[in-house]
Amino acid sequence: MLDLKGNRITYFGHSTFSLTTPSGQVGIIDPWVMTNPACPSTLRSVAKLDVIFLTHGHSDHFGDLLALAKQHKPKIVAIFETCLFIDGKGFESETCPMGKGGSQNVGDFEVTMTHAFHSNSIDEGGVRHYGGEPAGLLIRMPGGFTIYHAGDTALFGDMKLIGELYKPDLAMLPIGDRFTMGPREAAYAIRLLGVKHVIPMHYATFPFLTGTVDGFRQESRDIAGLEIHALKPGEHL
């Protein structure tokens, strides 16, 4: 059984999650909220937001970051170049830039930025801005509960090092295929990470994301003790 140490994880659809700590601090990973077609209407109004964690700047992840930053003035954790872009928008939000391999404390959260194999750019009115490199995130919450949000990524061998060094309790892995890992690769990622609890993400939002939870379960059926938490948008742990 997964013990979240009093923390709460809510799935907004696609790759967006909120993290709520026992003290009531709220973080959102990849804040595609109001314009996310998979996000339930009940979650599209965000009442409180202390920190935004961003894996990369593509529109299905960067999403409503600027609108939420204007409304809530949260701290924003992203790779250095993306923070420079956000700083240029003149918001009062404090950016907390970082690079891969680094860690920092932001409120109730401690975050470490890891590698991801993908691309990264920010669309502004049809103009593409360089966003630095894409990333994954290790986020430690009160009680020591640790999640690994892989971002958009291909399978890579250093996931084994991530598992050995950071020992995440829960991994959020893309399974949609075409632009990220599909079920076969994500199942192998579980083996490298050594995790027993996984939330699949980045699938079914668009027709060309063909990876399925059923396919993911089939590819990982031989992993002893594995629990796949296939959350529907609006559900939580």
Protein backbone atom coordinates (compact mmCIF):
# COMPACT_ATOMS: atom_id res chain seq x y z
CA MET A 1 0.00 0.00 0.00
CA LEU A 2 1.27 3.46 -0.90
CA ASP A 3 1.78 5.75 2.10
CA LEU A 4 1.82 9.38 0.97
CA LYS A 5 2.72 10.64 4.47
CA GLY A 6 -0.31 12.93 4.52
CA ASN A 7 0.39 14.46 1.11
CA ARG A 8 -2.16 14.48 -1.73
CA ILE A 9 -1.71 14.09 -5.50
CA THR A 10 -4.49 15.10 -7.90
CA TYR A 11 -4.46 14.33 -11.63
CA PHE A 12 -5.67 17.08 -13.95
CA GLY A 13 -5.17 15.05 -17.15
CA HIS A 14 -2.32 14.71 -19.65
CA SER A 15 0.85 15.42 -17.58
CA THR A 16 -0.57 17.90 -15.07
CA PHE A 17 -0.71 17.12 -11.34
CA SER A 18 -1.25 19.12 -8.20
CA LEU A 19 0.65 18.30 -5.01
CA THR A 20 -0.83 19.32 -1.67
CA THR A 21 1.19 19.02 1.54
CA PRO A 22 -0.20 18.46 5.03
CA SER A 23 0.31 22.18 5.81
CA GLY A 24 -1.84 23.12 2.80
CA GLN A 25 0.85 24.28 0.38
CA VAL A 26 -0.06 23.56 -3.24
CA GLY A 27 2.24 22.91 -6.16
CA ILE A 28 1.27 22.17 -9.76
CA ILE A 29 3.48 20.25 -12.18
CA ASP A 30 3.20 21.30 -15.85
CA PRO A 31 0.24 23.68 -15.38
CA TRP A 32 -1.99 22.92 -18.37
CA VAL A 33 -5.23 23.54 -16.50
CA MET A 34 -7.90 25.90 -17.88
CA THR A 35 -7.19 25.10 -21.55
CA ASN A 36 -6.52 21.38 -21.05
CA PRO A 37 -9.29 19.40 -22.82
CA ALA A 38 -8.78 16.48 -20.43
CA CYS A 39 -9.10 18.58 -17.27
CA PRO A 40 -12.48 18.34 -15.52
CA SER A 41 -14.39 21.61 -15.15
CA THR A 42 -14.25 21.25 -11.36
CA LEU A 43 -10.45 21.63 -11.43
CA ARG A 44 -10.16 24.48 -13.93
CA SER A 45 -10.49 27.12 -11.23
CA VAL A 46 -7.39 27.00 -9.03
CA ALA A 47 -8.10 28.43 -5.58
CA LYS A 48 -4.55 28.36 -4.21
CA LEU A 49 -1.14 27.94 -5.78
CA ASP A 50 2.21 28.33 -4.05
CA VAL A 51 4.63 26.89 -6.60
CA ILE A 52 4.69 25.79 -10.23
CA PHE A 53 7.08 23.05 -11.37
CA LEU A 54 7.74 22.97 -15.12
CA THR A 55 9.47 20.17 -17.04
CA HIS A 56 9.61 22.03 -20.38
CA GLY A 57 7.94 24.76 -22.39
CA HIS A 58 5.75 22.95 -24.94
CA SER A 59 2.20 24.23 -24.89
CA ASP A 60 0.70 21.04 -23.43
CA HIS A 61 2.95 21.53 -20.38
CA PHE A 62 3.64 25.28 -20.15
CA GLY A 63 -0.10 25.61 -20.76
CA ASP A 64 -1.66 28.21 -18.46
CA LEU A 65 1.50 29.09 -16.54
CA LEU A 66 1.43 32.79 -17.35
CA ALA A 67 -2.26 33.15 -16.48
CA LEU A 68 -1.79 31.29 -13.19
CA ALA A 69 1.34 33.30 -12.39
CA LYS A 70 -0.58 36.54 -12.87
CA GLN A 71 -3.43 35.32 -10.66
CA HIS A 72 -1.54 33.66 -7.78
CA LYS A 73 2.05 34.96 -7.94
CA PRO A 74 3.53 31.51 -7.15
CA LYS A 75 7.19 30.65 -7.18
CA ILE A 76 8.11 29.08 -10.53
CA VAL A 77 10.68 26.28 -10.82
CA ALA A 78 12.04 25.66 -14.31
CA ILE A 79 15.30 25.36 -16.18
CA PHE A 80 17.33 28.57 -16.44
CA GLU A 81 16.45 29.65 -19.99
CA THR A 82 12.71 29.13 -19.47
CA CYS A 83 12.90 31.24 -16.29
CA LEU A 84 14.54 34.02 -18.31
CA PHE A 85 11.57 33.96 -20.72
CA ILE A 86 9.09 34.12 -17.82
CA ASP A 87 11.03 36.93 -16.14
CA GLY A 88 10.68 38.91 -19.35
CA LYS A 89 6.90 38.92 -18.97
CA GLY A 90 7.12 41.26 -15.98
CA PHE A 91 5.14 39.22 -13.46
CA GLU A 92 5.58 39.57 -9.71
CA SER A 93 6.08 35.81 -9.41
CA GLU A 94 9.53 34.75 -8.24
CA THR A 95 11.29 32.41 -10.63
CA CYS A 96 13.56 29.76 -9.14
CA PRO A 97 15.84 28.74 -12.01
CA MET A 98 17.89 25.59 -11.84
CA GLY A 99 19.89 23.15 -13.93
CA LYS A 100 20.06 19.39 -14.21
CA GLY A 101 21.66 17.69 -11.23
CA GLY A 102 20.86 20.61 -8.93
CA SER A 103 18.43 20.74 -6.02
CA GLN A 104 16.65 23.49 -4.14
CA ASN A 105 14.01 23.96 -1.45
CA VAL A 106 10.83 25.79 -2.36
CA GLY A 107 8.39 26.03 0.53
CA ASP A 108 7.41 22.54 1.68
CA PHE A 109 9.03 20.99 -1.38
CA GLU A 110 12.59 19.95 -2.24
CA VAL A 111 13.13 19.55 -5.98
CA THR A 112 15.96 18.01 -8.00
CA MET A 113 16.13 18.46 -11.76
CA THR A 114 17.05 15.38 -13.81
CA HIS A 115 17.67 14.60 -17.44
CA ALA A 116 14.95 13.97 -20.05
CA PHE A 117 15.33 13.15 -23.75
CA HIS A 118 12.94 15.37 -25.68
CA SER A 119 12.98 18.96 -27.02
CA ASN A 120 12.02 22.29 -25.52
CA SER A 121 10.65 25.50 -26.97
CA ILE A 122 8.07 28.09 -25.99
CA ASP A 123 5.40 29.22 -28.43
CA GLU A 124 4.49 32.90 -28.20
CA GLY A 125 1.99 33.90 -30.86
CA GLY A 126 3.50 31.54 -33.42
CA VAL A 127 7.08 32.52 -32.59
CA ARG A 128 9.22 29.77 -31.06
CA HIS A 129 11.59 30.75 -28.27
CA TYR A 130 14.52 28.65 -27.05
CA GLY A 131 13.55 27.14 -23.72
CA GLY A 132 16.76 25.41 -22.66
CA GLU A 133 16.73 21.64 -22.27
CA PRO A 134 13.75 19.52 -21.20
CA ALA A 135 13.92 17.94 -17.76
CA GLY A 136 12.47 15.47 -15.32
CA LEU A 137 11.80 16.36 -11.69
CA LEU A 138 12.32 14.60 -8.35
CA ILE A 139 10.08 16.27 -5.79
CA ARG A 140 10.37 15.40 -2.09
CA MET A 141 7.40 16.32 0.09
CA PRO A 142 6.96 16.38 3.86
CA GLY A 143 7.50 13.00 5.49
CA GLY A 144 10.09 12.14 2.85
CA PHE A 145 7.56 11.03 0.21
CA THR A 146 9.31 11.36 -3.16
CA ILE A 147 7.87 11.44 -6.66
CA TYR A 148 9.65 11.26 -10.00
CA HIS A 149 7.85 13.13 -12.77
CA ALA A 150 9.74 12.08 -15.89
CA GLY A 151 8.41 14.89 -18.08
CA ASP A 152 8.31 14.12 -21.78
CA THR A 153 11.11 11.68 -22.44
CA ALA A 154 12.43 8.67 -24.26
CA LEU A 155 13.74 5.74 -22.27
CA PHE A 156 17.34 6.26 -21.12
CA GLY A 157 19.72 4.10 -19.14
CA ASP A 158 20.43 6.67 -16.42
CA MET A 159 16.94 6.09 -15.06
CA LYS A 160 18.72 3.32 -13.16
CA LEU A 161 20.89 5.94 -11.46
CA ILE A 162 17.81 8.03 -10.66
CA GLY A 163 16.27 5.01 -8.94
CA GLU A 164 19.43 4.15 -7.03
CA LEU A 165 20.26 7.68 -5.90
CA TYR A 166 16.85 9.23 -5.20
CA LYS A 167 14.71 6.14 -4.53
CA PRO A 168 11.35 7.61 -5.60
CA ASP A 169 8.25 6.17 -3.96
CA LEU A 170 6.14 6.93 -7.04
CA ALA A 171 6.97 7.50 -10.71
CA MET A 172 4.83 9.44 -13.19
CA LEU A 173 5.75 8.09 -16.63
CA PRO A 174 4.57 9.04 -20.13
CA ILE A 175 3.12 6.12 -22.10
CA GLY A 176 1.49 7.83 -25.10
CA ASP A 177 4.16 6.95 -27.69
CA ARG A 178 5.13 8.97 -30.80
CA PHE A 179 6.51 11.98 -28.88
CA THR A 180 7.54 10.10 -25.72
CA MET A 181 7.96 6.57 -24.44
CA GLY A 182 5.24 4.12 -25.30
CA PRO A 183 4.05 1.28 -23.04
CA ARG A 184 6.99 -1.00 -23.92
CA GLU A 185 9.63 1.60 -23.07
CA ALA A 186 7.79 2.85 -19.98
CA ALA A 187 7.60 -0.70 -18.64
CA TYR A 188 11.36 -1.01 -19.03
CA ALA A 189 11.75 2.33 -17.24
CA ILE A 190 9.97 0.80 -14.25
CA ARG A 191 12.59 -1.94 -14.15
CA LEU A 192 15.43 0.59 -14.26
CA LEU A 193 13.88 2.80 -11.58
CA GLY A 194 12.96 -0.07 -9.29
CA VAL A 195 9.66 1.60 -8.32
CA LYS A 196 6.55 -0.30 -7.27
CA HIS A 197 4.02 2.52 -7.74
CA VAL A 198 3.48 4.23 -11.10
CA ILE A 199 1.00 6.74 -12.54
CA PRO A 200 0.82 6.63 -16.36
CA MET A 201 0.50 10.03 -18.05
CA HIS A 202 0.71 11.83 -21.40
CA TYR A 203 -1.66 9.49 -23.23
CA ALA A 204 -5.13 9.60 -24.87
CA THR A 205 -5.34 13.42 -24.89
CA PHE A 206 -4.92 13.45 -28.68
CA PRO A 207 -5.63 10.68 -31.23
CA PHE A 208 -1.95 10.35 -32.19
CA LEU A 209 -1.02 9.41 -28.59
CA THR A 210 -1.80 5.75 -29.11
CA GLY A 211 -0.24 4.17 -26.00
CA THR A 212 -2.80 2.71 -23.61
CA VAL A 213 -2.96 1.71 -19.96
CA ASP A 214 -3.94 -1.82 -21.01
CA GLY A 215 -0.82 -2.04 -23.15
CA PHE A 216 1.26 -0.67 -20.28
CA ARG A 217 -0.14 -3.27 -17.89
CA GLN A 218 0.58 -6.03 -20.39
CA GLU A 219 4.18 -4.93 -20.90
CA SER A 220 4.81 -4.74 -17.15
CA ARG A 221 2.81 -7.79 -16.04
CA ASP A 222 5.91 -9.69 -14.91
CA ILE A 223 7.12 -7.01 -12.45
CA ALA A 224 6.47 -8.39 -8.99
CA GLY A 225 4.61 -6.12 -6.57
CA LEU A 226 3.93 -3.40 -9.13
CA GLU A 227 0.85 -1.23 -8.69
CA ILE A 228 -0.22 0.94 -11.60
CA HIS A 229 -2.41 3.83 -10.46
CA ALA A 230 -4.30 4.65 -13.66
CA LEU A 231 -5.93 7.83 -12.40
CA LYS A 232 -8.71 9.44 -14.38
CA PRO A 233 -8.61 13.25 -14.59
CA GLY A 234 -10.01 14.57 -11.33
CA GLU A 235 -8.99 11.53 -9.28
CA HIS A 236 -6.37 11.66 -6.55
CA LEU A 237 -4.10 9.65 -4.28
